[in-house]
Amino acid sequence: MNRIARLTTIRGALVVSICALASGVAMAGDGKWVQDAKSCAAPEYPRDSLSKGEQGTTGLRILVGADGKAIDSEIETSSHSRKLDSAAQRALMECSFKPQPADSKPAQQWVKTEFVWKLN
């Protein structure tokens, strides 16, 4: 995508990432994983979805390994657009996660998060 098209895409769409919430599968006291916002790039609004005016919320479950890296993901609730769902899933698989509290050592666990796709 050239620079002008990319700027148009960014100007024409707003992507909001809502913080990840851990779903407790680790034992009590082990802590939980939270999304490291600095490691996550917002997904690019798919050109097709942009031209069709598609919007929605993609709810995802990310399996986070003991090293804080995404291992697997599942779409829990669809935005009703395959392209938006896939873009959110690809972007979140590149994120890293950090333990909360910071001194804890969470085990591998599922983390819930969602992306809100909204045109302005």
PDB file of N, CA and C in Angstrom:
ATOM      1  N   MET A   1       0.863  -1.170   0.000  1.00  0.00           N
ATOM      2  CA  MET A   1       0.000   0.000   0.000  1.00  0.00           C
ATOM      3  C   MET A   1       0.910   1.233   0.000  1.00  0.00           C
ATOM      4  N   ASN A   2       0.646   2.194  -0.881  1.00  0.00           N
ATOM      5  CA  ASN A   2       1.491   3.375  -0.930  1.00  0.00           C
ATOM      6  C   ASN A   2       1.145   4.333   0.206  1.00  0.00           C
ATOM      7  N   ARG A   3       1.985   5.337   0.396  1.00  0.00           N
ATOM      8  CA  ARG A   3       1.851   6.260   1.530  1.00  0.00           C
ATOM      9  C   ARG A   3       0.517   7.008   1.511  1.00  0.00           C
ATOM     10  N   ILE A   4       0.072   7.477   0.357  1.00  0.00           N
ATOM     11  CA  ILE A   4      -1.185   8.230   0.266  1.00  0.00           C
ATOM     12  C   ILE A   4      -2.363   7.335   0.633  1.00  0.00           C
ATOM     13  N   ALA A   5      -2.384   6.114   0.112  1.00  0.00           N
ATOM     14  CA  ALA A   5      -3.479   5.192   0.435  1.00  0.00           C
ATOM     15  C   ALA A   5      -3.480   4.859   1.922  1.00  0.00           C
ATOM     16  N   ARG A   6      -2.287   4.675   2.509  1.00  0.00           N
ATOM     17  CA  ARG A   6      -2.196   4.355   3.934  1.00  0.00           C
ATOM     18  C   ARG A   6      -2.718   5.515   4.774  1.00  0.00           C
ATOM     19  N   LEU A   7      -2.358   6.748   4.423  1.00  0.00           N
ATOM     20  CA  LEU A   7      -2.837   7.910   5.168  1.00  0.00           C
ATOM     21  C   LEU A   7      -4.347   8.039   5.051  1.00  0.00           C
ATOM     22  N   THR A   8      -4.889   7.752   3.870  1.00  0.00           N
ATOM     23  CA  THR A   8      -6.334   7.798   3.679  1.00  0.00           C
ATOM     24  C   THR A   8      -7.014   6.754   4.556  1.00  0.00           C
ATOM     25  N   THR A   9      -6.452   5.572   4.604  1.00  0.00           N
ATOM     26  CA  THR A   9      -7.010   4.507   5.443  1.00  0.00           C
ATOM     27  C   THR A   9      -6.993   4.918   6.906  1.00  0.00           C
ATOM     28  N   ILE A  10      -5.888   5.455   7.369  1.00  0.00           N
ATOM     29  CA  ILE A  10      -5.779   5.870   8.768  1.00  0.00           C
ATOM     30  C   ILE A  10      -6.750   7.001   9.061  1.00  0.00           C
ATOM     31  N   ARG A  11      -6.857   7.963   8.168  1.00  0.00           N
ATOM     32  CA  ARG A  11      -7.750   9.094   8.369  1.00  0.00           C
ATOM     33  C   ARG A  11      -9.211   8.665   8.324  1.00  0.00           C
ATOM     34  N   GLY A  12      -9.533   7.682   7.489  1.00  0.00           N
ATOM     35  CA  GLY A  12     -10.921   7.281   7.290  1.00  0.00           C
ATOM     36  C   GLY A  12     -11.451   6.293   8.309  1.00  0.00           C
ATOM     37  N   ALA A  13     -10.592   5.757   9.144  1.00  0.00           N
ATOM     38  CA  ALA A  13     -11.044   4.718  10.070  1.00  0.00           C
ATOM     39  C   ALA A  13     -10.382   4.864  11.425  1.00  0.00           C
ATOM     40  N   LEU A  14     -11.106   4.436  12.422  1.00  0.00           N
ATOM     41  CA  LEU A  14     -10.594   4.452  13.782  1.00  0.00           C
ATOM     42  C   LEU A  14     -10.689   3.040  14.324  1.00  0.00           C
ATOM     43  N   VAL A  15      -9.581   2.532  14.811  1.00  0.00           N
ATOM     44  CA  VAL A  15      -9.575   1.210  15.414  1.00  0.00           C
ATOM     45  C   VAL A  15      -9.254   1.390  16.885  1.00  0.00           C
ATOM     46  N   VAL A  16     -10.116   0.859  17.737  1.00  0.00           N
ATOM     47  CA  VAL A  16      -9.925   0.993  19.173  1.00  0.00           C
ATOM     48  C   VAL A  16      -9.647  -0.381  19.747  1.00  0.00           C
ATOM     49  N   SER A  17      -8.550  -0.526  20.445  1.00  0.00           N
ATOM     50  CA  SER A  17      -8.257  -1.788  21.115  1.00  0.00           C
ATOM     51  C   SER A  17      -8.618  -1.650  22.577  1.00  0.00           C
ATOM     52  N   ILE A  18      -9.435  -2.561  23.060  1.00  0.00           N
ATOM     53  CA  ILE A  18      -9.810  -2.555  24.459  1.00  0.00           C
ATOM     54  C   ILE A  18      -8.883  -3.510  25.182  1.00  0.00           C
ATOM     55  N   CYS A  19      -8.400  -3.098  26.348  1.00  0.00           N
ATOM     56  CA  CYS A  19      -7.430  -3.895  27.102  1.00  0.00           C
ATOM     57  C   CYS A  19      -7.885  -5.330  27.298  1.00  0.00           C
ATOM     58  N   ALA A  20      -6.910  -6.192  27.328  1.00  0.00           N
ATOM     59  CA  ALA A  20      -7.187  -7.608  27.544  1.00  0.00           C
ATOM     60  C   ALA A  20      -7.531  -7.875  28.997  1.00  0.00           C
ATOM     61  N   LEU A  21      -8.456  -8.791  29.186  1.00  0.00           N
ATOM     62  CA  LEU A  21      -8.828  -9.234  30.524  1.00  0.00           C
ATOM     63  C   LEU A  21      -8.506 -10.714  30.612  1.00  0.00           C
ATOM     64  N   ALA A  22      -7.788 -11.107  31.625  1.00  0.00           N
ATOM     65  CA  ALA A  22      -7.422 -12.517  31.755  1.00  0.00           C
ATOM     66  C   ALA A  22      -8.612 -13.346  32.198  1.00  0.00           C
ATOM     67  N   SER A  23      -8.734 -14.514  31.623  1.00  0.00           N
ATOM     68  CA  SER A  23      -9.738 -15.457  32.114  1.00  0.00           C
ATOM     69  C   SER A  23      -8.983 -16.471  32.954  1.00  0.00           C
ATOM     70  N   GLY A  24      -9.369 -16.605  34.203  1.00  0.00           N
ATOM     71  CA  GLY A  24      -8.572 -17.338  35.181  1.00  0.00           C
ATOM     72  C   GLY A  24      -8.484 -18.828  34.965  1.00  0.00           C
ATOM     73  N   VAL A  25      -7.387 -19.282  34.389  1.00  0.00           N
ATOM     74  CA  VAL A  25      -7.123 -20.703  34.352  1.00  0.00           C
ATOM     75  C   VAL A  25      -5.862 -21.034  35.138  1.00  0.00           C
ATOM     76  N   ALA A  26      -5.110 -20.009  35.521  1.00  0.00           N
ATOM     77  CA  ALA A  26      -3.926 -20.250  36.345  1.00  0.00           C
ATOM     78  C   ALA A  26      -4.372 -20.416  37.788  1.00  0.00           C
ATOM     79  N   MET A  27      -3.541 -21.051  38.574  1.00  0.00           N
ATOM     80  CA  MET A  27      -3.893 -21.257  39.979  1.00  0.00           C
ATOM     81  C   MET A  27      -3.853 -19.931  40.716  1.00  0.00           C
ATOM     82  N   ALA A  28      -4.645 -19.812  41.753  1.00  0.00           N
ATOM     83  CA  ALA A  28      -4.702 -18.587  42.552  1.00  0.00           C
ATOM     84  C   ALA A  28      -3.303 -18.221  43.019  1.00  0.00           C
ATOM     85  N   GLY A  29      -2.989 -16.937  42.955  1.00  0.00           N
ATOM     86  CA  GLY A  29      -1.685 -16.457  43.398  1.00  0.00           C
ATOM     87  C   GLY A  29      -0.635 -16.452  42.303  1.00  0.00           C
ATOM     88  N   ASP A  30      -0.913 -17.104  41.175  1.00  0.00           N
ATOM     89  CA  ASP A  30       0.054 -17.148  40.086  1.00  0.00           C
ATOM     90  C   ASP A  30       0.034 -15.884  39.243  1.00  0.00           C
ATOM     91  N   GLY A  31      -0.971 -15.064  39.401  1.00  0.00           N
ATOM     92  CA  GLY A  31      -1.090 -13.855  38.598  1.00  0.00           C
ATOM     93  C   GLY A  31      -1.794 -14.135  37.285  1.00  0.00           C
ATOM     94  N   LYS A  32      -1.778 -13.144  36.407  1.00  0.00           N
ATOM     95  CA  LYS A  32      -2.443 -13.267  35.117  1.00  0.00           C
ATOM     96  C   LYS A  32      -1.655 -12.483  34.086  1.00  0.00           C
ATOM     97  N   TRP A  33      -1.977 -12.675  32.835  1.00  0.00           N
ATOM     98  CA  TRP A  33      -1.338 -11.951  31.740  1.00  0.00           C
ATOM     99  C   TRP A  33      -2.222 -10.791  31.319  1.00  0.00           C
ATOM    100  N   VAL A  34      -1.603  -9.638  31.036  1.00  0.00           N
ATOM    101  CA  VAL A  34      -2.316  -8.501  30.460  1.00  0.00           C
ATOM    102  C   VAL A  34      -1.573  -8.075  29.200  1.00  0.00           C
ATOM    103  N   GLN A  35      -2.319  -7.583  28.251  1.00  0.00           N
ATOM    104  CA  GLN A  35      -1.767  -7.162  26.965  1.00  0.00           C
ATOM    105  C   GLN A  35      -0.799  -6.012  27.182  1.00  0.00           C
ATOM    106  N   ASP A  36       0.394  -6.111  26.593  1.00  0.00           N
ATOM    107  CA  ASP A  36       1.376  -5.031  26.626  1.00  0.00           C
ATOM    108  C   ASP A  36       1.070  -4.115  25.444  1.00  0.00           C
ATOM    109  N   ALA A  37       0.391  -3.007  25.729  1.00  0.00           N
ATOM    110  CA  ALA A  37      -0.081  -2.106  24.665  1.00  0.00           C
ATOM    111  C   ALA A  37       1.057  -1.624  23.766  1.00  0.00           C
ATOM    112  N   LYS A  38       2.253  -1.471  24.312  1.00  0.00           N
ATOM    113  CA  LYS A  38       3.390  -0.993  23.515  1.00  0.00           C
ATOM    114  C   LYS A  38       3.809  -2.003  22.449  1.00  0.00           C
ATOM    115  N   SER A  39       3.490  -3.263  22.666  1.00  0.00           N
ATOM    116  CA  SER A  39       3.911  -4.301  21.719  1.00  0.00           C
ATOM    117  C   SER A  39       2.872  -4.554  20.629  1.00  0.00           C
ATOM    118  N   CYS A  40       1.715  -3.926  20.738  1.00  0.00           N
ATOM    119  CA  CYS A  40       0.610  -4.206  19.815  1.00  0.00           C
ATOM    120  C   CYS A  40       0.398  -3.071  18.819  1.00  0.00           C
ATOM    121  N   ALA A  41       0.522  -3.408  17.561  1.00  0.00           N
ATOM    122  CA  ALA A  41       0.203  -2.434  16.518  1.00  0.00           C
ATOM    123  C   ALA A  41      -1.271  -2.597  16.163  1.00  0.00           C
ATOM    124  N   ALA A  42      -1.953  -1.494  15.961  1.00  0.00           N
ATOM    125  CA  ALA A  42      -3.364  -1.566  15.557  1.00  0.00           C
ATOM    126  C   ALA A  42      -3.440  -2.225  14.185  1.00  0.00           C
ATOM    127  N   PRO A  43      -4.389  -3.105  13.990  1.00  0.00           N
ATOM    128  CA  PRO A  43      -4.512  -3.733  12.673  1.00  0.00           C
ATOM    129  C   PRO A  43      -4.940  -2.705  11.633  1.00  0.00           C
ATOM    130  N   GLU A  44      -4.487  -2.919  10.413  1.00  0.00           N
ATOM    131  CA  GLU A  44      -4.889  -2.031   9.328  1.00  0.00           C
ATOM    132  C   GLU A  44      -6.312  -2.379   8.911  1.00  0.00           C
ATOM    133  N   TYR A  45      -7.138  -1.354   8.743  1.00  0.00           N
ATOM    134  CA  TYR A  45      -8.526  -1.572   8.312  1.00  0.00           C
ATOM    135  C   TYR A  45      -8.485  -2.189   6.922  1.00  0.00           C
ATOM    136  N   PRO A  46      -9.036  -3.365   6.717  1.00  0.00           N
ATOM    137  CA  PRO A  46      -9.024  -3.972   5.384  1.00  0.00           C
ATOM    138  C   PRO A  46      -9.707  -3.056   4.357  1.00  0.00           C
ATOM    139  N   ARG A  47      -9.056  -2.885   3.231  1.00  0.00           N
ATOM    140  CA  ARG A  47      -9.550  -1.968   2.196  1.00  0.00           C
ATOM    141  C   ARG A  47     -10.984  -2.298   1.784  1.00  0.00           C
ATOM    142  N   ASP A  48     -11.267  -3.578   1.585  1.00  0.00           N
ATOM    143  CA  ASP A  48     -12.620  -4.015   1.212  1.00  0.00           C
ATOM    144  C   ASP A  48     -13.646  -3.619   2.267  1.00  0.00           C
ATOM    145  N   SER A  49     -13.302  -3.848   3.531  1.00  0.00           N
ATOM    146  CA  SER A  49     -14.212  -3.525   4.640  1.00  0.00           C
ATOM    147  C   SER A  49     -14.435  -2.027   4.728  1.00  0.00           C
ATOM    148  N   LEU A  50     -13.382  -1.274   4.470  1.00  0.00           N
ATOM    149  CA  LEU A  50     -13.461   0.184   4.501  1.00  0.00           C
ATOM    150  C   LEU A  50     -14.418   0.680   3.421  1.00  0.00           C
ATOM    151  N   SER A  51     -14.269   0.154   2.200  1.00  0.00           N
ATOM    152  CA  SER A  51     -15.130   0.610   1.102  1.00  0.00           C
ATOM    153  C   SER A  51     -16.584   0.165   1.282  1.00  0.00           C
ATOM    154  N   LYS A  52     -16.802  -0.940   1.995  1.00  0.00           N
ATOM    155  CA  LYS A  52     -18.166  -1.424   2.247  1.00  0.00           C
ATOM    156  C   LYS A  52     -18.778  -0.806   3.502  1.00  0.00           C
ATOM    157  N   GLY A  53     -17.987  -0.025   4.229  1.00  0.00           N
ATOM    158  CA  GLY A  53     -18.485   0.605   5.451  1.00  0.00           C
ATOM    159  C   GLY A  53     -18.688  -0.375   6.598  1.00  0.00           C
ATOM    160  N   GLU A  54     -17.938  -1.482   6.585  1.00  0.00           N
ATOM    161  CA  GLU A  54     -18.097  -2.491   7.634  1.00  0.00           C
ATOM    162  C   GLU A  54     -17.528  -2.007   8.966  1.00  0.00           C
ATOM    163  N   GLN A  55     -18.271  -2.242  10.031  1.00  0.00           N
ATOM    164  CA  GLN A  55     -17.861  -1.897  11.388  1.00  0.00           C
ATOM    165  C   GLN A  55     -18.260  -3.049  12.299  1.00  0.00           C
ATOM    166  N   GLY A  56     -17.773  -3.047  13.511  1.00  0.00           N
ATOM    167  CA  GLY A  56     -18.178  -4.075  14.460  1.00  0.00           C
ATOM    168  C   GLY A  56     -17.122  -4.299  15.519  1.00  0.00           C
ATOM    169  N   THR A  57     -17.373  -5.284  16.355  1.00  0.00           N
ATOM    170  CA  THR A  57     -16.454  -5.632  17.434  1.00  0.00           C
ATOM    171  C   THR A  57     -16.066  -7.094  17.289  1.00  0.00           C
ATOM    172  N   THR A  58     -14.763  -7.344  17.293  1.00  0.00           N
ATOM    173  CA  THR A  58     -14.242  -8.701  17.238  1.00  0.00           C
ATOM    174  C   THR A  58     -13.768  -9.086  18.630  1.00  0.00           C
ATOM    175  N   GLY A  59     -14.387 -10.092  19.216  1.00  0.00           N
ATOM    176  CA  GLY A  59     -13.967 -10.600  20.520  1.00  0.00           C
ATOM    177  C   GLY A  59     -13.077 -11.816  20.324  1.00  0.00           C
ATOM    178  N   LEU A  60     -11.920 -11.812  20.967  1.00  0.00           N
ATOM    179  CA  LEU A  60     -10.947 -12.887  20.781  1.00  0.00           C
ATOM    180  C   LEU A  60     -10.493 -13.480  22.104  1.00  0.00           C
ATOM    181  N   ARG A  61     -10.075 -14.735  22.035  1.00  0.00           N
ATOM    182  CA  ARG A  61      -9.378 -15.389  23.143  1.00  0.00           C
ATOM    183  C   ARG A  61      -7.985 -15.714  22.623  1.00  0.00           C
ATOM    184  N   ILE A  62      -6.977 -15.291  23.370  1.00  0.00           N
ATOM    185  CA  ILE A  62      -5.587 -15.524  22.997  1.00  0.00           C
ATOM    186  C   ILE A  62      -4.970 -16.457  24.034  1.00  0.00           C
ATOM    187  N   LEU A  63      -4.347 -17.541  23.578  1.00  0.00           N
ATOM    188  CA  LEU A  63      -3.629 -18.427  24.487  1.00  0.00           C
ATOM    189  C   LEU A  63      -2.221 -17.873  24.635  1.00  0.00           C
ATOM    190  N   VAL A  64      -1.889 -17.467  25.858  1.00  0.00           N
ATOM    191  CA  VAL A  64      -0.586 -16.866  26.141  1.00  0.00           C
ATOM    192  C   VAL A  64       0.283 -17.905  26.837  1.00  0.00           C
ATOM    193  N   GLY A  65       1.487 -18.102  26.304  1.00  0.00           N
ATOM    194  CA  GLY A  65       2.422 -19.058  26.890  1.00  0.00           C
ATOM    195  C   GLY A  65       3.109 -18.481  28.115  1.00  0.00           C
ATOM    196  N   ALA A  66       3.844 -19.312  28.818  1.00  0.00           N
ATOM    197  CA  ALA A  66       4.538 -18.898  30.036  1.00  0.00           C
ATOM    198  C   ALA A  66       5.570 -17.801  29.763  1.00  0.00           C
ATOM    199  N   ASP A  67       5.956 -17.620  28.493  1.00  0.00           N
ATOM    200  CA  ASP A  67       6.922 -16.577  28.130  1.00  0.00           C
ATOM    201  C   ASP A  67       6.255 -15.257  27.739  1.00  0.00           C
ATOM    202  N   GLY A  68       4.916 -15.189  27.795  1.00  0.00           N
ATOM    203  CA  GLY A  68       4.200 -13.957  27.464  1.00  0.00           C
ATOM    204  C   GLY A  68       3.908 -13.777  25.984  1.00  0.00           C
ATOM    205  N   LYS A  69       4.185 -14.785  25.182  1.00  0.00           N
ATOM    206  CA  LYS A  69       3.927 -14.720  23.733  1.00  0.00           C
ATOM    207  C   LYS A  69       2.631 -15.454  23.393  1.00  0.00           C
ATOM    208  N   ALA A  70       1.929 -14.940  22.385  1.00  0.00           N
ATOM    209  CA  ALA A  70       0.693 -15.578  21.926  1.00  0.00           C
ATOM    210  C   ALA A  70       1.020 -16.897  21.235  1.00  0.00           C
ATOM    211  N   ILE A  71       0.290 -17.940  21.612  1.00  0.00           N
ATOM    212  CA  ILE A  71       0.491 -19.273  21.042  1.00  0.00           C
ATOM    213  C   ILE A  71      -0.628 -19.616  20.062  1.00  0.00           C
ATOM    214  N   ASP A  72      -1.846 -19.248  20.418  1.00  0.00           N
ATOM    215  CA  ASP A  72      -3.018 -19.611  19.625  1.00  0.00           C
ATOM    216  C   ASP A  72      -4.090 -18.556  19.859  1.00  0.00           C
ATOM    217  N   SER A  73      -5.098 -18.542  19.004  1.00  0.00           N
ATOM    218  CA  SER A  73      -6.202 -17.598  19.198  1.00  0.00           C
ATOM    219  C   SER A  73      -7.486 -18.172  18.624  1.00  0.00           C
ATOM    220  N   GLU A  74      -8.595 -17.699  19.171  1.00  0.00           N
ATOM    221  CA  GLU A  74      -9.924 -18.093  18.707  1.00  0.00           C
ATOM    222  C   GLU A  74     -10.807 -16.859  18.652  1.00  0.00           C
ATOM    223  N   ILE A  75     -11.644 -16.782  17.636  1.00  0.00           N
ATOM    224  CA  ILE A  75     -12.623 -15.701  17.574  1.00  0.00           C
ATOM    225  C   ILE A  75     -13.803 -16.133  18.428  1.00  0.00           C
ATOM    226  N   GLU A  76     -14.078 -15.359  19.460  1.00  0.00           N
ATOM    227  CA  GLU A  76     -15.163 -15.681  20.385  1.00  0.00           C
ATOM    228  C   GLU A  76     -16.475 -15.036  19.939  1.00  0.00           C
ATOM    229  N   THR A  77     -16.395 -13.770  19.505  1.00  0.00           N
ATOM    230  CA  THR A  77     -17.567 -13.081  18.957  1.00  0.00           C
ATOM    231  C   THR A  77     -17.132 -12.365  17.685  1.00  0.00           C
ATOM    232  N   SER A  78     -17.906 -12.529  16.643  1.00  0.00           N
ATOM    233  CA  SER A  78     -17.561 -11.979  15.337  1.00  0.00           C
ATOM    234  C   SER A  78     -18.091 -10.559  15.162  1.00  0.00           C
ATOM    235  N   SER A  79     -17.365  -9.798  14.373  1.00  0.00           N
ATOM    236  CA  SER A  79     -17.805  -8.459  13.975  1.00  0.00           C
ATOM    237  C   SER A  79     -18.815  -8.567  12.830  1.00  0.00           C
ATOM    238  N   HIS A  80     -19.037  -9.778  12.347  1.00  0.00           N
ATOM    239  CA  HIS A  80     -19.881 -10.090  11.186  1.00  0.00           C
ATOM    240  C   HIS A  80     -19.177  -9.744   9.878  1.00  0.00           C
ATOM    241  N   SER A  81     -17.847  -9.617   9.964  1.00  0.00           N
ATOM    242  CA  SER A  81     -17.024  -9.428   8.774  1.00  0.00           C
ATOM    243  C   SER A  81     -15.790 -10.311   8.929  1.00  0.00           C
ATOM    244  N   ARG A  82     -15.639 -11.278   8.038  1.00  0.00           N
ATOM    245  CA  ARG A  82     -14.470 -12.167   8.109  1.00  0.00           C
ATOM    246  C   ARG A  82     -13.165 -11.400   8.009  1.00  0.00           C
ATOM    247  N   LYS A  83     -13.153 -10.384   7.165  1.00  0.00           N
ATOM    248  CA  LYS A  83     -11.915  -9.622   6.970  1.00  0.00           C
ATOM    249  C   LYS A  83     -11.522  -8.853   8.224  1.00  0.00           C
ATOM    250  N   LEU A  84     -12.502  -8.233   8.892  1.00  0.00           N
ATOM    251  CA  LEU A  84     -12.206  -7.514  10.133  1.00  0.00           C
ATOM    252  C   LEU A  84     -11.748  -8.491  11.210  1.00  0.00           C
ATOM    253  N   ASP A  85     -12.438  -9.613  11.327  1.00  0.00           N
ATOM    254  CA  ASP A  85     -12.072 -10.615  12.329  1.00  0.00           C
ATOM    255  C   ASP A  85     -10.653 -11.134  12.097  1.00  0.00           C
ATOM    256  N   SER A  86     -10.329 -11.453  10.856  1.00  0.00           N
ATOM    257  CA  SER A  86      -8.995 -11.971  10.527  1.00  0.00           C
ATOM    258  C   SER A  86      -7.905 -10.944  10.793  1.00  0.00           C
ATOM    259  N   ALA A  87      -8.165  -9.685  10.453  1.00  0.00           N
ATOM    260  CA  ALA A  87      -7.173  -8.629  10.686  1.00  0.00           C
ATOM    261  C   ALA A  87      -6.910  -8.458  12.181  1.00  0.00           C
ATOM    262  N   ALA A  88      -7.957  -8.489  12.988  1.00  0.00           N
ATOM    263  CA  ALA A  88      -7.795  -8.369  14.444  1.00  0.00           C
ATOM    264  C   ALA A  88      -7.018  -9.562  14.987  1.00  0.00           C
ATOM    265  N   GLN A  89      -7.347 -10.740  14.512  1.00  0.00           N
ATOM    266  CA  GLN A  89      -6.688 -11.957  14.987  1.00  0.00           C
ATOM    267  C   GLN A  89      -5.200 -11.947  14.633  1.00  0.00           C
ATOM    268  N   ARG A  90      -4.860 -11.565  13.406  1.00  0.00           N
ATOM    269  CA  ARG A  90      -3.449 -11.495  12.993  1.00  0.00           C
ATOM    270  C   ARG A  90      -2.681 -10.492  13.843  1.00  0.00           C
ATOM    271  N   ALA A  91      -3.273  -9.318  14.068  1.00  0.00           N
ATOM    272  CA  ALA A  91      -2.588  -8.274  14.838  1.00  0.00           C
ATOM    273  C   ALA A  91      -2.351  -8.715  16.278  1.00  0.00           C
ATOM    274  N   LEU A  92      -3.350  -9.318  16.902  1.00  0.00           N
ATOM    275  CA  LEU A  92      -3.204  -9.730  18.301  1.00  0.00           C
ATOM    276  C   LEU A  92      -2.216 -10.865  18.484  1.00  0.00           C
ATOM    277  N   MET A  93      -2.039 -11.694  17.486  1.00  0.00           N
ATOM    278  CA  MET A  93      -1.056 -12.773  17.593  1.00  0.00           C
ATOM    279  C   MET A  93       0.373 -12.231  17.629  1.00  0.00           C
ATOM    280  N   GLU A  94       0.560 -10.984  17.232  1.00  0.00           N
ATOM    281  CA  GLU A  94       1.883 -10.358  17.267  1.00  0.00           C
ATOM    282  C   GLU A  94       2.156  -9.644  18.590  1.00  0.00           C
ATOM    283  N   CYS A  95       1.141  -9.503  19.426  1.00  0.00           N
ATOM    284  CA  CYS A  95       1.291  -8.810  20.710  1.00  0.00           C
ATOM    285  C   CYS A  95       2.043  -9.675  21.706  1.00  0.00           C
ATOM    286  N   SER A  96       2.643  -9.002  22.678  1.00  0.00           N
ATOM    287  CA  SER A  96       3.186  -9.741  23.812  1.00  0.00           C
ATOM    288  C   SER A  96       2.388  -9.337  25.042  1.00  0.00           C
ATOM    289  N   PHE A  97       2.502 -10.127  26.068  1.00  0.00           N
ATOM    290  CA  PHE A  97       1.724  -9.937  27.283  1.00  0.00           C
ATOM    291  C   PHE A  97       2.673  -9.892  28.465  1.00  0.00           C
ATOM    292  N   LYS A  98       2.295  -9.132  29.485  1.00  0.00           N
ATOM    293  CA  LYS A  98       3.151  -9.047  30.670  1.00  0.00           C
ATOM    294  C   LYS A  98       2.366  -9.500  31.898  1.00  0.00           C
ATOM    295  N   PRO A  99       3.102 -10.016  32.893  1.00  0.00           N
ATOM    296  CA  PRO A  99       2.427 -10.530  34.080  1.00  0.00           C
ATOM    297  C   PRO A  99       1.853  -9.412  34.941  1.00  0.00           C
ATOM    298  N   GLN A 100       0.736  -9.721  35.571  1.00  0.00           N
ATOM    299  CA  GLN A 100       0.099  -8.782  36.492  1.00  0.00           C
ATOM    300  C   GLN A 100      -0.274  -9.574  37.736  1.00  0.00           C
ATOM    301  N   PRO A 101       0.189  -9.267  38.892  1.00  0.00           N
ATOM    302  CA  PRO A 101       1.172  -8.241  39.216  1.00  0.00           C
ATOM    303  C   PRO A 101       2.533  -8.544  38.583  1.00  0.00           C
ATOM    304  N   ALA A 102       3.343  -7.504  38.465  1.00  0.00           N
ATOM    305  CA  ALA A 102       4.605  -7.583  37.725  1.00  0.00           C
ATOM    306  C   ALA A 102       5.548  -8.666  38.244  1.00  0.00           C
ATOM    307  N   ASP A 103       5.515  -8.962  39.522  1.00  0.00           N
ATOM    308  CA  ASP A 103       6.447  -9.952  40.082  1.00  0.00           C
ATOM    309  C   ASP A 103       5.886 -11.380  40.078  1.00  0.00           C
ATOM    310  N   SER A 104       4.726 -11.581  39.462  1.00  0.00           N
ATOM    311  CA  SER A 104       4.130 -12.922  39.418  1.00  0.00           C
ATOM    312  C   SER A 104       4.689 -13.715  38.238  1.00  0.00           C
ATOM    313  N   LYS A 105       4.428 -14.996  38.234  1.00  0.00           N
ATOM    314  CA  LYS A 105       4.858 -15.872  37.141  1.00  0.00           C
ATOM    315  C   LYS A 105       3.653 -16.672  36.653  1.00  0.00           C
ATOM    316  N   PRO A 106       2.804 -16.032  35.841  1.00  0.00           N
ATOM    317  CA  PRO A 106       1.602 -16.727  35.372  1.00  0.00           C
ATOM    318  C   PRO A 106       1.942 -17.935  34.504  1.00  0.00           C
ATOM    319  N   ALA A 107       1.102 -18.926  34.585  1.00  0.00           N
ATOM    320  CA  ALA A 107       1.225 -20.098  33.720  1.00  0.00           C
ATOM    321  C   ALA A 107       0.575 -19.781  32.375  1.00  0.00           C
ATOM    322  N   GLN A 108       0.684 -20.714  31.451  1.00  0.00           N
ATOM    323  CA  GLN A 108      -0.018 -20.579  30.174  1.00  0.00           C
ATOM    324  C   GLN A 108      -1.506 -20.429  30.467  1.00  0.00           C
ATOM    325  N   GLN A 109      -2.144 -19.452  29.838  1.00  0.00           N
ATOM    326  CA  GLN A 109      -3.571 -19.247  30.067  1.00  0.00           C
ATOM    327  C   GLN A 109      -4.211 -18.468  28.926  1.00  0.00           C
ATOM    328  N   TRP A 110      -5.532 -18.541  28.865  1.00  0.00           N
ATOM    329  CA  TRP A 110      -6.307 -17.817  27.866  1.00  0.00           C
ATOM    330  C   TRP A 110      -6.592 -16.411  28.369  1.00  0.00           C
ATOM    331  N   VAL A 111      -6.473 -15.437  27.471  1.00  0.00           N
ATOM    332  CA  VAL A 111      -6.747 -14.030  27.764  1.00  0.00           C
ATOM    333  C   VAL A 111      -7.823 -13.571  26.786  1.00  0.00           C
ATOM    334  N   LYS A 112      -8.806 -12.846  27.278  1.00  0.00           N
ATOM    335  CA  LYS A 112      -9.864 -12.313  26.412  1.00  0.00           C
ATOM    336  C   LYS A 112      -9.557 -10.857  26.073  1.00  0.00           C
ATOM    337  N   THR A 113      -9.827 -10.491  24.844  1.00  0.00           N
ATOM    338  CA  THR A 113      -9.659  -9.111  24.405  1.00  0.00           C
ATOM    339  C   THR A 113     -10.619  -8.853  23.251  1.00  0.00           C
ATOM    340  N   GLU A 114     -10.804  -7.600  22.901  1.00  0.00           N
ATOM    341  CA  GLU A 114     -11.644  -7.295  21.740  1.00  0.00           C
ATOM    342  C   GLU A 114     -11.120  -6.068  21.016  1.00  0.00           C
ATOM    343  N   PHE A 115     -11.409  -6.028  19.725  1.00  0.00           N
ATOM    344  CA  PHE A 115     -11.103  -4.878  18.878  1.00  0.00           C
ATOM    345  C   PHE A 115     -12.427  -4.305  18.414  1.00  0.00           C
ATOM    346  N   VAL A 116     -12.545  -2.990  18.515  1.00  0.00           N
ATOM    347  CA  VAL A 116     -13.730  -2.293  18.029  1.00  0.00           C
ATOM    348  C   VAL A 116     -13.346  -1.614  16.715  1.00  0.00           C
ATOM    349  N   TRP A 117     -14.038  -1.959  15.659  1.00  0.00           N
ATOM    350  CA  TRP A 117     -13.817  -1.376  14.336  1.00  0.00           C
ATOM    351  C   TRP A 117     -14.901  -0.327  14.114  1.00  0.00           C
ATOM    352  N   LYS A 118     -14.477   0.918  13.935  1.00  0.00           N
ATOM    353  CA  LYS A 118     -15.456   1.998  13.794  1.00  0.00           C
ATOM    354  C   LYS A 118     -14.975   3.006  12.756  1.00  0.00           C
ATOM    355  N   LEU A 119     -15.852   3.353  11.842  1.00  0.00           N
ATOM    356  CA  LEU A 119     -15.551   4.386  10.848  1.00  0.00           C
ATOM    357  C   LEU A 119     -16.002   5.724  11.406  1.00  0.00           C
ATOM    358  N   ASN A 120     -15.194   6.757  11.200  1.00  0.00           N
ATOM    359  CA  ASN A 120     -15.606   8.075  11.699  1.00  0.00           C
ATOM    360  C   ASN A 120     -16.087   8.951  10.578  1.00  0.00           C
TER     361      ASN A 120
END
